[in-house]
């Protein structure tokens, strides 16, 4: 007797992906990475990684 059991994806997105849109918006407003990290409660390296990741979405390698 075959049994079908749905498998739910329970993984959370990494922090840098969850805050990427907000961090990018703050960066576009002229805030520095240390300012962004203070505002969002994370370290400046994560803020930078978020902005770089968000900026690369939907962009092909030839448009850089």
Protein backbone atom coordinates (compact mmCIF):
# COMPACT_ATOMS: atom_id res chain seq x y z
CA UNK A 1 0.00 0.00 0.00
CA UNK A 2 1.69 3.27 -1.13
CA UNK A 3 1.73 6.11 1.37
CA UNK A 4 2.21 9.75 0.43
CA UNK A 5 3.66 12.00 3.12
CA UNK A 6 4.17 15.67 2.30
CA UNK A 7 7.52 17.04 3.39
CA UNK A 8 7.39 20.64 4.51
CA UNK A 9 10.42 22.84 3.99
CA UNK A 10 11.02 24.26 7.45
CA UNK A 11 14.36 25.91 6.78
CA UNK A 12 14.55 29.61 7.52
CA UNK A 13 16.27 32.03 5.19
CA UNK A 14 19.67 33.28 6.35
CA UNK A 15 19.60 36.60 8.21
CA UNK A 16 21.28 38.49 5.39
CA UNK A 17 18.53 37.41 2.97
CA UNK A 18 15.73 38.31 5.39
CA UNK A 19 17.04 41.86 5.89
CA UNK A 20 18.39 42.45 2.37
CA UNK A 21 15.61 44.71 1.07
CA UNK A 22 15.62 46.91 4.17
CA UNK A 23 19.43 47.12 4.28
CA UNK A 24 19.57 48.03 0.59
CA UNK A 25 16.93 50.72 1.07
CA UNK A 26 18.91 52.25 3.95
CA UNK A 27 22.10 52.11 1.86
CA UNK A 28 20.35 53.91 -1.00
CA UNK A 29 19.36 56.61 1.50
CA UNK A 30 23.07 57.19 2.10
CA UNK A 31 23.61 55.30 5.34
CA UNK A 32 26.97 53.60 5.96
CA UNK A 33 27.22 49.90 6.78
CA UNK A 34 27.95 50.61 10.47
CA UNK A 35 24.86 52.86 10.60
CA UNK A 36 22.73 50.20 8.89
CA UNK A 37 23.99 47.50 11.23
CA UNK A 38 23.19 49.64 14.27
CA UNK A 39 19.71 50.37 12.99
CA UNK A 40 18.95 46.71 12.19
CA UNK A 41 20.78 45.20 15.17
CA UNK A 42 23.39 43.17 13.35
CA UNK A 43 27.07 43.40 12.48
CA UNK A 44 28.33 45.54 9.59
CA UNK A 45 29.58 42.51 7.65
CA UNK A 46 26.07 41.05 7.53
CA UNK A 47 24.68 44.42 6.42
CA UNK A 48 27.21 44.54 3.57
CA UNK A 49 26.53 40.95 2.56
CA UNK A 50 22.79 41.67 2.49
CA UNK A 51 23.20 44.67 0.21
CA UNK A 52 25.55 42.81 -2.14
CA UNK A 53 23.20 39.80 -2.27
CA UNK A 54 20.12 41.94 -2.92
CA UNK A 55 21.91 43.94 -5.61
CA UNK A 56 22.84 40.76 -7.48
CA UNK A 57 19.30 39.39 -7.72
CA UNK A 58 18.01 39.32 -11.25
CA UNK A 59 21.25 40.63 -12.68
CA UNK A 60 23.23 38.66 -15.21
CA UNK A 61 27.02 38.62 -15.21
CA UNK A 62 27.27 40.79 -18.34
CA UNK A 63 25.42 43.77 -16.87
CA UNK A 64 28.05 44.54 -14.21
